Amino acid sequence: MQRSIAIFLQVVIVALVIVVFAALLWEPTVEGVNANATTLSQIYFDDPFLAYIYFSFVAVFVGLYQAFKLVGYIGRDETHSQRSVQALRMIKYCALSFAGFIFAAVAYIFIAVRGTDDIAGGVAMGLFLILVSLVIAAASALFERKALKTLA
């Protein structure tokens, strides 16, 4: 891969991190529970579910950092190196842990909130995030296995 393409992909990953972080900060200000909150502490610290979601997105940011590193390795023609295998393995673990965190959040919404509020949108978004993270985990496992075969 050309170095310029790798740098472009790294810029795309950084832009994705900025967009995801901005969305995480913006969304609670318009959500139903916090829409009428007047201070930042009411928005961000009065909702334990929101803290749980922020905690679960740590796995996303770690995975994106590993993807940033992986693209750098690929740009330096170290595609089948031990470091790229470790980055792929970490991306797989981050995707699986994020899927687990979101599954627990969807289960909480389905069990505790059902009947008191409309949960269809939250459950659908959660299931979509689980599907996307499982696809990422499967792809990284496939690439990891292929890179390990090349190393052996």
N, C-alpha and C. Protein backbone atom coordinates (compact mmCIF):
# COMPACT_ATOMS: atom_id res chain seq x y z
N MET A 1 0.85 -1.17 0.00
CA MET A 1 0.00 0.00 0.00
C MET A 1 0.89 1.23 0.00
N GLN A 2 0.50 2.20 -0.75
CA GLN A 2 1.28 3.43 -0.79
C GLN A 2 1.16 4.17 0.53
N ARG A 3 2.23 4.85 0.87
CA ARG A 3 2.26 5.60 2.13
C ARG A 3 1.19 6.69 2.16
N SER A 4 0.91 7.31 1.01
CA SER A 4 -0.09 8.38 0.99
C SER A 4 -1.49 7.85 1.26
N ILE A 5 -1.78 6.65 0.78
CA ILE A 5 -3.09 6.04 1.06
C ILE A 5 -3.21 5.71 2.54
N ALA A 6 -2.12 5.22 3.15
CA ALA A 6 -2.14 4.92 4.58
C ALA A 6 -2.36 6.18 5.40
N ILE A 7 -1.71 7.26 5.01
CA ILE A 7 -1.91 8.52 5.73
C ILE A 7 -3.34 9.01 5.58
N PHE A 8 -3.90 8.88 4.38
CA PHE A 8 -5.30 9.26 4.17
C PHE A 8 -6.23 8.44 5.06
N LEU A 9 -5.99 7.14 5.14
CA LEU A 9 -6.83 6.29 5.99
C LEU A 9 -6.68 6.65 7.46
N GLN A 10 -5.48 7.02 7.88
CA GLN A 10 -5.28 7.45 9.26
C GLN A 10 -6.03 8.76 9.54
N VAL A 11 -6.06 9.66 8.57
CA VAL A 11 -6.82 10.90 8.72
C VAL A 11 -8.31 10.59 8.82
N VAL A 12 -8.78 9.63 8.04
CA VAL A 12 -10.19 9.22 8.10
C VAL A 12 -10.52 8.64 9.48
N ILE A 13 -9.61 7.85 10.04
CA ILE A 13 -9.83 7.27 11.37
C ILE A 13 -9.88 8.37 12.42
N VAL A 14 -8.99 9.35 12.33
CA VAL A 14 -9.00 10.47 13.28
C VAL A 14 -10.30 11.26 13.15
N ALA A 15 -10.76 11.49 11.93
CA ALA A 15 -12.04 12.18 11.72
C ALA A 15 -13.19 11.39 12.31
N LEU A 16 -13.15 10.07 12.17
CA LEU A 16 -14.19 9.22 12.76
C LEU A 16 -14.19 9.32 14.28
N VAL A 17 -13.01 9.35 14.87
CA VAL A 17 -12.92 9.50 16.33
C VAL A 17 -13.53 10.83 16.76
N ILE A 18 -13.23 11.88 16.04
CA ILE A 18 -13.77 13.21 16.39
C ILE A 18 -15.30 13.22 16.27
N VAL A 19 -15.82 12.62 15.21
CA VAL A 19 -17.28 12.59 14.99
C VAL A 19 -17.97 11.77 16.08
N VAL A 20 -17.40 10.60 16.42
CA VAL A 20 -18.01 9.75 17.45
C VAL A 20 -17.96 10.46 18.80
N PHE A 21 -16.84 11.08 19.13
CA PHE A 21 -16.73 11.79 20.40
C PHE A 21 -17.70 12.96 20.47
N ALA A 22 -17.83 13.72 19.37
CA ALA A 22 -18.77 14.84 19.34
C ALA A 22 -20.21 14.34 19.47
N ALA A 23 -20.53 13.23 18.83
CA ALA A 23 -21.89 12.67 18.94
C ALA A 23 -22.18 12.21 20.36
N LEU A 24 -21.18 11.64 21.02
CA LEU A 24 -21.38 11.21 22.40
C LEU A 24 -21.61 12.41 23.33
N LEU A 25 -20.99 13.52 23.04
CA LEU A 25 -21.20 14.71 23.86
C LEU A 25 -22.50 15.42 23.52
N TRP A 26 -22.90 15.40 22.25
CA TRP A 26 -24.08 16.14 21.82
C TRP A 26 -25.38 15.41 22.12
N GLU A 27 -25.43 14.11 21.91
CA GLU A 27 -26.68 13.35 22.00
C GLU A 27 -27.40 13.49 23.34
N PRO A 28 -26.72 13.46 24.49
CA PRO A 28 -27.46 13.57 25.74
C PRO A 28 -28.18 14.91 25.93
N THR A 29 -27.74 15.93 25.22
CA THR A 29 -28.41 17.24 25.38
C THR A 29 -29.76 17.28 24.70
N VAL A 30 -30.03 16.38 23.77
CA VAL A 30 -31.31 16.38 23.06
C VAL A 30 -32.16 15.16 23.38
N GLU A 31 -31.63 14.24 24.16
CA GLU A 31 -32.35 13.03 24.51
C GLU A 31 -33.53 13.38 25.42
N GLY A 32 -34.52 12.52 25.45
CA GLY A 32 -35.75 12.79 26.20
C GLY A 32 -35.54 13.02 27.68
N VAL A 33 -34.70 12.22 28.34
CA VAL A 33 -34.51 12.35 29.78
C VAL A 33 -33.81 13.65 30.12
N ASN A 34 -32.84 14.05 29.32
CA ASN A 34 -32.02 15.22 29.63
C ASN A 34 -32.39 16.45 28.82
N ALA A 35 -33.42 16.42 28.05
CA ALA A 35 -33.75 17.54 27.17
C ALA A 35 -34.06 18.82 27.95
N ASN A 36 -34.60 18.69 29.15
CA ASN A 36 -34.95 19.87 29.94
C ASN A 36 -33.93 20.19 31.02
N ALA A 37 -32.79 19.53 31.01
CA ALA A 37 -31.75 19.80 32.00
C ALA A 37 -31.14 21.17 31.73
N THR A 38 -30.80 21.86 32.80
CA THR A 38 -30.30 23.23 32.65
C THR A 38 -28.80 23.34 32.82
N THR A 39 -28.18 22.43 33.55
CA THR A 39 -26.73 22.51 33.76
C THR A 39 -26.05 21.28 33.17
N LEU A 40 -24.76 21.41 32.94
CA LEU A 40 -24.00 20.29 32.39
C LEU A 40 -23.95 19.12 33.37
N SER A 41 -23.92 19.40 34.65
CA SER A 41 -23.88 18.30 35.62
C SER A 41 -25.18 17.51 35.59
N GLN A 42 -26.30 18.17 35.36
CA GLN A 42 -27.56 17.44 35.24
C GLN A 42 -27.58 16.57 34.00
N ILE A 43 -26.99 17.06 32.93
CA ILE A 43 -27.00 16.30 31.68
C ILE A 43 -26.12 15.07 31.78
N TYR A 44 -24.89 15.24 32.28
CA TYR A 44 -23.90 14.17 32.17
C TYR A 44 -23.72 13.33 33.42
N PHE A 45 -24.16 13.80 34.58
CA PHE A 45 -23.85 13.06 35.80
C PHE A 45 -25.06 12.52 36.54
N ASP A 46 -26.26 12.83 36.11
CA ASP A 46 -27.46 12.34 36.79
C ASP A 46 -28.01 11.05 36.19
N ASP A 47 -27.42 10.58 35.12
CA ASP A 47 -27.94 9.40 34.43
C ASP A 47 -26.89 8.29 34.46
N PRO A 48 -27.05 7.27 35.30
CA PRO A 48 -26.05 6.20 35.34
C PRO A 48 -25.99 5.38 34.05
N PHE A 49 -27.08 5.30 33.32
CA PHE A 49 -27.07 4.59 32.04
C PHE A 49 -26.15 5.28 31.05
N LEU A 50 -26.16 6.60 31.06
CA LEU A 50 -25.28 7.37 30.18
C LEU A 50 -23.81 7.13 30.53
N ALA A 51 -23.51 7.05 31.81
CA ALA A 51 -22.14 6.74 32.23
C ALA A 51 -21.73 5.35 31.75
N TYR A 52 -22.65 4.41 31.80
CA TYR A 52 -22.37 3.05 31.31
C TYR A 52 -22.08 3.06 29.81
N ILE A 53 -22.84 3.84 29.05
CA ILE A 53 -22.62 3.92 27.61
C ILE A 53 -21.27 4.56 27.33
N TYR A 54 -20.93 5.61 28.06
CA TYR A 54 -19.60 6.23 27.89
C TYR A 54 -18.50 5.23 28.21
N PHE A 55 -18.68 4.45 29.25
CA PHE A 55 -17.69 3.44 29.61
C PHE A 55 -17.56 2.39 28.51
N SER A 56 -18.66 2.00 27.91
CA SER A 56 -18.60 0.99 26.86
C SER A 56 -17.91 1.52 25.60
N PHE A 57 -17.98 2.82 25.36
CA PHE A 57 -17.35 3.38 24.17
C PHE A 57 -15.84 3.51 24.32
N VAL A 58 -15.30 3.24 25.50
CA VAL A 58 -13.85 3.17 25.65
C VAL A 58 -13.30 2.07 24.74
N ALA A 59 -14.02 0.96 24.65
CA ALA A 59 -13.60 -0.13 23.76
C ALA A 59 -13.57 0.32 22.31
N VAL A 60 -14.49 1.17 21.90
CA VAL A 60 -14.51 1.67 20.53
C VAL A 60 -13.28 2.52 20.26
N PHE A 61 -12.96 3.41 21.20
CA PHE A 61 -11.81 4.29 21.00
C PHE A 61 -10.49 3.52 21.02
N VAL A 62 -10.39 2.50 21.86
CA VAL A 62 -9.19 1.66 21.86
C VAL A 62 -9.09 0.91 20.54
N GLY A 63 -10.20 0.39 20.05
CA GLY A 63 -10.20 -0.29 18.76
C GLY A 63 -9.83 0.63 17.61
N LEU A 64 -10.31 1.86 17.65
CA LEU A 64 -9.95 2.81 16.59
C LEU A 64 -8.47 3.19 16.67
N TYR A 65 -7.93 3.27 17.87
CA TYR A 65 -6.49 3.53 18.01
C TYR A 65 -5.69 2.37 17.43
N GLN A 66 -6.13 1.14 17.69
CA GLN A 66 -5.45 -0.02 17.12
C GLN A 66 -5.58 -0.05 15.59
N ALA A 67 -6.70 0.38 15.07
CA ALA A 67 -6.87 0.46 13.62
C ALA A 67 -5.93 1.51 13.03
N PHE A 68 -5.76 2.63 13.74
CA PHE A 68 -4.83 3.67 13.33
C PHE A 68 -3.41 3.10 13.25
N LYS A 69 -3.03 2.34 14.28
CA LYS A 69 -1.70 1.72 14.28
C LYS A 69 -1.57 0.70 13.16
N LEU A 70 -2.62 -0.09 12.95
CA LEU A 70 -2.59 -1.13 11.91
C LEU A 70 -2.41 -0.52 10.53
N VAL A 71 -3.10 0.57 10.25
CA VAL A 71 -2.95 1.23 8.95
C VAL A 71 -1.51 1.75 8.81
N GLY A 72 -0.92 2.22 9.90
CA GLY A 72 0.48 2.64 9.84
C GLY A 72 1.41 1.49 9.52
N TYR A 73 1.15 0.33 10.12
CA TYR A 73 1.96 -0.85 9.82
C TYR A 73 1.81 -1.26 8.36
N ILE A 74 0.59 -1.22 7.87
CA ILE A 74 0.34 -1.59 6.48
C ILE A 74 1.02 -0.60 5.54
N GLY A 75 1.02 0.67 5.90
CA GLY A 75 1.69 1.69 5.09
C GLY A 75 3.19 1.49 5.04
N ARG A 76 3.76 0.86 6.05
CA ARG A 76 5.20 0.58 6.07
C ARG A 76 5.51 -0.84 5.58
N ASP A 77 4.54 -1.47 4.93
CA ASP A 77 4.67 -2.84 4.40
C ASP A 77 4.99 -3.85 5.48
N GLU A 78 4.39 -3.70 6.64
CA GLU A 78 4.52 -4.67 7.73
C GLU A 78 3.18 -5.37 7.95
N THR A 79 2.53 -5.71 6.85
CA THR A 79 1.19 -6.29 6.91
C THR A 79 1.16 -7.60 7.68
N HIS A 80 2.15 -8.43 7.46
CA HIS A 80 2.16 -9.74 8.08
C HIS A 80 3.19 -9.82 9.20
N SER A 81 3.28 -8.77 9.99
CA SER A 81 4.22 -8.76 11.12
C SER A 81 3.48 -9.13 12.40
N GLN A 82 4.25 -9.40 13.42
CA GLN A 82 3.65 -9.75 14.71
C GLN A 82 2.88 -8.56 15.30
N ARG A 83 3.38 -7.35 15.05
CA ARG A 83 2.67 -6.17 15.57
C ARG A 83 1.31 -5.99 14.91
N SER A 84 1.21 -6.27 13.62
CA SER A 84 -0.10 -6.15 12.97
C SER A 84 -1.05 -7.24 13.46
N VAL A 85 -0.52 -8.42 13.75
CA VAL A 85 -1.36 -9.49 14.30
C VAL A 85 -1.88 -9.09 15.68
N GLN A 86 -1.03 -8.48 16.49
CA GLN A 86 -1.46 -8.03 17.82
C GLN A 86 -2.51 -6.94 17.71
N ALA A 87 -2.35 -6.02 16.75
CA ALA A 87 -3.35 -4.97 16.56
C ALA A 87 -4.68 -5.57 16.12
N LEU A 88 -4.64 -6.54 15.22
CA LEU A 88 -5.87 -7.19 14.79
C LEU A 88 -6.54 -7.93 15.93
N ARG A 89 -5.74 -8.59 16.76
CA ARG A 89 -6.29 -9.31 17.91
C ARG A 89 -6.96 -8.33 18.88
N MET A 90 -6.32 -7.19 19.10
CA MET A 90 -6.89 -6.19 20.01
C MET A 90 -8.18 -5.60 19.44
N ILE A 91 -8.21 -5.38 18.13
CA ILE A 91 -9.44 -4.89 17.49
C ILE A 91 -10.56 -5.91 17.68
N LYS A 92 -10.24 -7.18 17.52
CA LYS A 92 -11.24 -8.24 17.71
C LYS A 92 -11.77 -8.23 19.14
N TYR A 93 -10.88 -8.15 20.12
CA TYR A 93 -11.31 -8.13 21.52
C TYR A 93 -12.12 -6.88 21.84
N CYS A 94 -11.73 -5.74 21.30
CA CYS A 94 -12.49 -4.51 21.54
C CYS A 94 -13.89 -4.60 20.93
N ALA A 95 -13.98 -5.15 19.74
CA ALA A 95 -15.29 -5.29 19.10
C ALA A 95 -16.18 -6.25 19.87
N LEU A 96 -15.61 -7.35 20.34
CA LEU A 96 -16.41 -8.31 21.11
C LEU A 96 -16.83 -7.74 22.46
N SER A 97 -15.94 -7.01 23.12
CA SER A 97 -16.32 -6.42 24.41
C SER A 97 -17.38 -5.34 24.21
N PHE A 98 -17.27 -4.55 23.14
CA PHE A 98 -18.28 -3.54 22.88
C PHE A 98 -19.63 -4.20 22.60
N ALA A 99 -19.62 -5.30 21.84
CA ALA A 99 -20.86 -6.02 21.58
C ALA A 99 -21.47 -6.54 22.88
N GLY A 100 -20.63 -7.02 23.79
CA GLY A 100 -21.12 -7.48 25.09
C GLY A 100 -21.71 -6.35 25.92
N PHE A 101 -21.03 -5.21 25.94
CA PHE A 101 -21.54 -4.06 26.69
C PHE A 101 -22.89 -3.60 26.13
N ILE A 102 -22.98 -3.52 24.82
CA ILE A 102 -24.23 -3.07 24.20
C ILE A 102 -25.33 -4.10 24.38
N PHE A 103 -24.98 -5.39 24.33
CA PHE A 103 -25.98 -6.43 24.59
C PHE A 103 -26.54 -6.27 26.00
N ALA A 104 -25.67 -6.00 26.99
CA ALA A 104 -26.15 -5.80 28.36
C ALA A 104 -27.04 -4.56 28.44
N ALA A 105 -26.70 -3.51 27.71
CA ALA A 105 -27.53 -2.30 27.72
C ALA A 105 -28.89 -2.57 27.08
N VAL A 106 -28.90 -3.31 25.98
CA VAL A 106 -30.18 -3.65 25.33
C VAL A 106 -31.01 -4.54 26.24
N ALA A 107 -30.37 -5.48 26.92
CA ALA A 107 -31.09 -6.34 27.85
C ALA A 107 -31.70 -5.52 28.99
N TYR A 108 -30.93 -4.54 29.49
CA TYR A 108 -31.45 -3.67 30.54
C TYR A 108 -32.66 -2.88 30.03
N ILE A 109 -32.53 -2.32 28.83
CA ILE A 109 -33.65 -1.56 28.26
C ILE A 109 -34.86 -2.47 28.09
N PHE A 110 -34.62 -3.68 27.60
CA PHE A 110 -35.73 -4.60 27.32
C PHE A 110 -36.40 -5.07 28.60
N ILE A 111 -35.62 -5.28 29.67
CA ILE A 111 -36.18 -5.81 30.91
C ILE A 111 -36.72 -4.71 31.81
N ALA A 112 -35.93 -3.66 32.04
CA ALA A 112 -36.29 -2.67 33.05
C ALA A 112 -37.17 -1.55 32.51
N VAL A 113 -37.01 -1.18 31.25
CA VAL A 113 -37.72 -0.01 30.74
C VAL A 113 -38.99 -0.40 29.99
N ARG A 114 -39.06 -1.64 29.55
CA ARG A 114 -40.20 -2.09 28.76
C ARG A 114 -41.51 -1.88 29.51
N GLY A 115 -42.46 -1.32 28.81
CA GLY A 115 -43.77 -1.06 29.39
C GLY A 115 -43.92 0.36 29.92
N THR A 116 -42.81 1.01 30.28
CA THR A 116 -42.88 2.38 30.78
C THR A 116 -42.52 3.40 29.72
N ASP A 117 -41.87 2.97 28.66
CA ASP A 117 -41.43 3.89 27.62
C ASP A 117 -41.36 3.12 26.30
N ASP A 118 -41.28 3.87 25.22
CA ASP A 118 -41.14 3.25 23.90
C ASP A 118 -39.67 2.87 23.71
N ILE A 119 -39.39 1.58 23.58
CA ILE A 119 -38.01 1.11 23.55
C ILE A 119 -37.55 0.69 22.16
N ALA A 120 -38.41 0.77 21.17
CA ALA A 120 -38.09 0.22 19.85
C ALA A 120 -36.84 0.87 19.25
N GLY A 121 -36.73 2.18 19.32
CA GLY A 121 -35.58 2.86 18.74
C GLY A 121 -34.28 2.50 19.42
N GLY A 122 -34.29 2.49 20.75
CA GLY A 122 -33.08 2.14 21.49
C GLY A 122 -32.64 0.71 21.26
N VAL A 123 -33.59 -0.20 21.23
CA VAL A 123 -33.27 -1.61 21.00
C VAL A 123 -32.76 -1.80 19.57
N ALA A 124 -33.38 -1.14 18.60
CA ALA A 124 -32.93 -1.27 17.21
C ALA A 124 -31.52 -0.73 17.03
N MET A 125 -31.22 0.43 17.63
CA MET A 125 -29.86 0.97 17.54
C MET A 125 -28.87 0.04 18.22
N GLY A 126 -29.24 -0.51 19.36
CA GLY A 126 -28.36 -1.43 20.06
C GLY A 126 -28.08 -2.68 19.26
N LEU A 127 -29.12 -3.25 18.66
CA LEU A 127 -28.92 -4.45 17.84
C LEU A 127 -28.07 -4.16 16.61
N PHE A 128 -28.25 -2.97 16.03
CA PHE A 128 -27.41 -2.58 14.90
C PHE A 128 -25.95 -2.46 15.32
N LEU A 129 -25.69 -1.83 16.47
CA LEU A 129 -24.31 -1.72 16.96
C LEU A 129 -23.70 -3.08 17.27
N ILE A 130 -24.50 -3.98 17.80
CA ILE A 130 -24.01 -5.34 18.06
C ILE A 130 -23.65 -6.02 16.75
N LEU A 131 -24.50 -5.90 15.75
CA LEU A 131 -24.23 -6.51 14.45
C LEU A 131 -22.95 -5.95 13.83
N VAL A 132 -22.80 -4.64 13.85
CA VAL A 132 -21.61 -4.02 13.27
C VAL A 132 -20.36 -4.46 14.01
N SER A 133 -20.40 -4.48 15.33
CA SER A 133 -19.21 -4.87 16.07
C SER A 133 -18.88 -6.35 15.88
N LEU A 134 -19.88 -7.21 15.72
CA LEU A 134 -19.61 -8.62 15.45
C LEU A 134 -19.02 -8.82 14.05
N VAL A 135 -19.45 -8.03 13.08
CA VAL A 135 -18.86 -8.10 11.74
C VAL A 135 -17.39 -7.65 11.79
N ILE A 136 -17.12 -6.59 12.55
CA ILE A 136 -15.73 -6.12 12.70
C ILE A 136 -14.89 -7.18 13.40
N ALA A 137 -15.43 -7.81 14.42
CA ALA A 137 -14.68 -8.85 15.13
C ALA A 137 -14.41 -10.04 14.21
N ALA A 138 -15.39 -10.44 13.41
CA ALA A 138 -15.19 -11.56 12.50
C ALA A 138 -14.15 -11.23 11.43
N ALA A 139 -14.22 -10.02 10.88
CA ALA A 139 -13.24 -9.63 9.85
C ALA A 139 -11.83 -9.56 10.43
N SER A 140 -11.70 -9.00 11.61
CA SER A 140 -10.36 -8.91 12.19
C SER A 140 -9.84 -10.30 12.57
N ALA A 141 -10.70 -11.20 13.00
CA ALA A 141 -10.27 -12.57 13.28
C ALA A 141 -9.83 -13.28 12.00
N LEU A 142 -10.54 -13.04 10.92
CA LEU A 142 -10.16 -13.63 9.64
C LEU A 142 -8.80 -13.12 9.18
N PHE A 143 -8.60 -11.79 9.25
CA PHE A 143 -7.31 -11.22 8.84
C PHE A 143 -6.19 -11.65 9.78
N GLU A 144 -6.51 -11.77 11.06
CA GLU A 144 -5.50 -12.23 12.02
C GLU A 144 -5.06 -13.66 11.69
N ARG A 145 -6.01 -14.52 11.42
CA ARG A 145 -5.70 -15.91 11.08
C ARG A 145 -4.87 -15.99 9.80
N LYS A 146 -5.23 -15.16 8.82
CA LYS A 146 -4.49 -15.16 7.55
C LYS A 146 -3.06 -14.64 7.77
N ALA A 147 -2.90 -13.62 8.60
CA ALA A 147 -1.56 -13.09 8.88
C ALA A 147 -0.74 -14.10 9.67
N LEU A 148 -1.37 -14.83 10.58
CA LEU A 148 -0.64 -15.85 11.35
C LEU A 148 -0.17 -16.99 10.45
N LYS A 149 -0.98 -17.37 9.47
CA LYS A 149 -0.56 -18.41 8.52
C LYS A 149 0.65 -17.96 7.72
N THR A 150 0.69 -16.69 7.36
CA THR A 150 1.80 -16.15 6.59
C THR A 150 3.07 -16.11 7.44
N LEU A 151 2.91 -15.80 8.74
CA LEU A 151 4.07 -15.74 9.64
C LEU A 151 4.66 -17.11 9.90
N ALA A 152 3.82 -18.14 9.92
CA ALA A 152 4.29 -19.48 10.28
C ALA A 152 5.05 -20.17 9.18
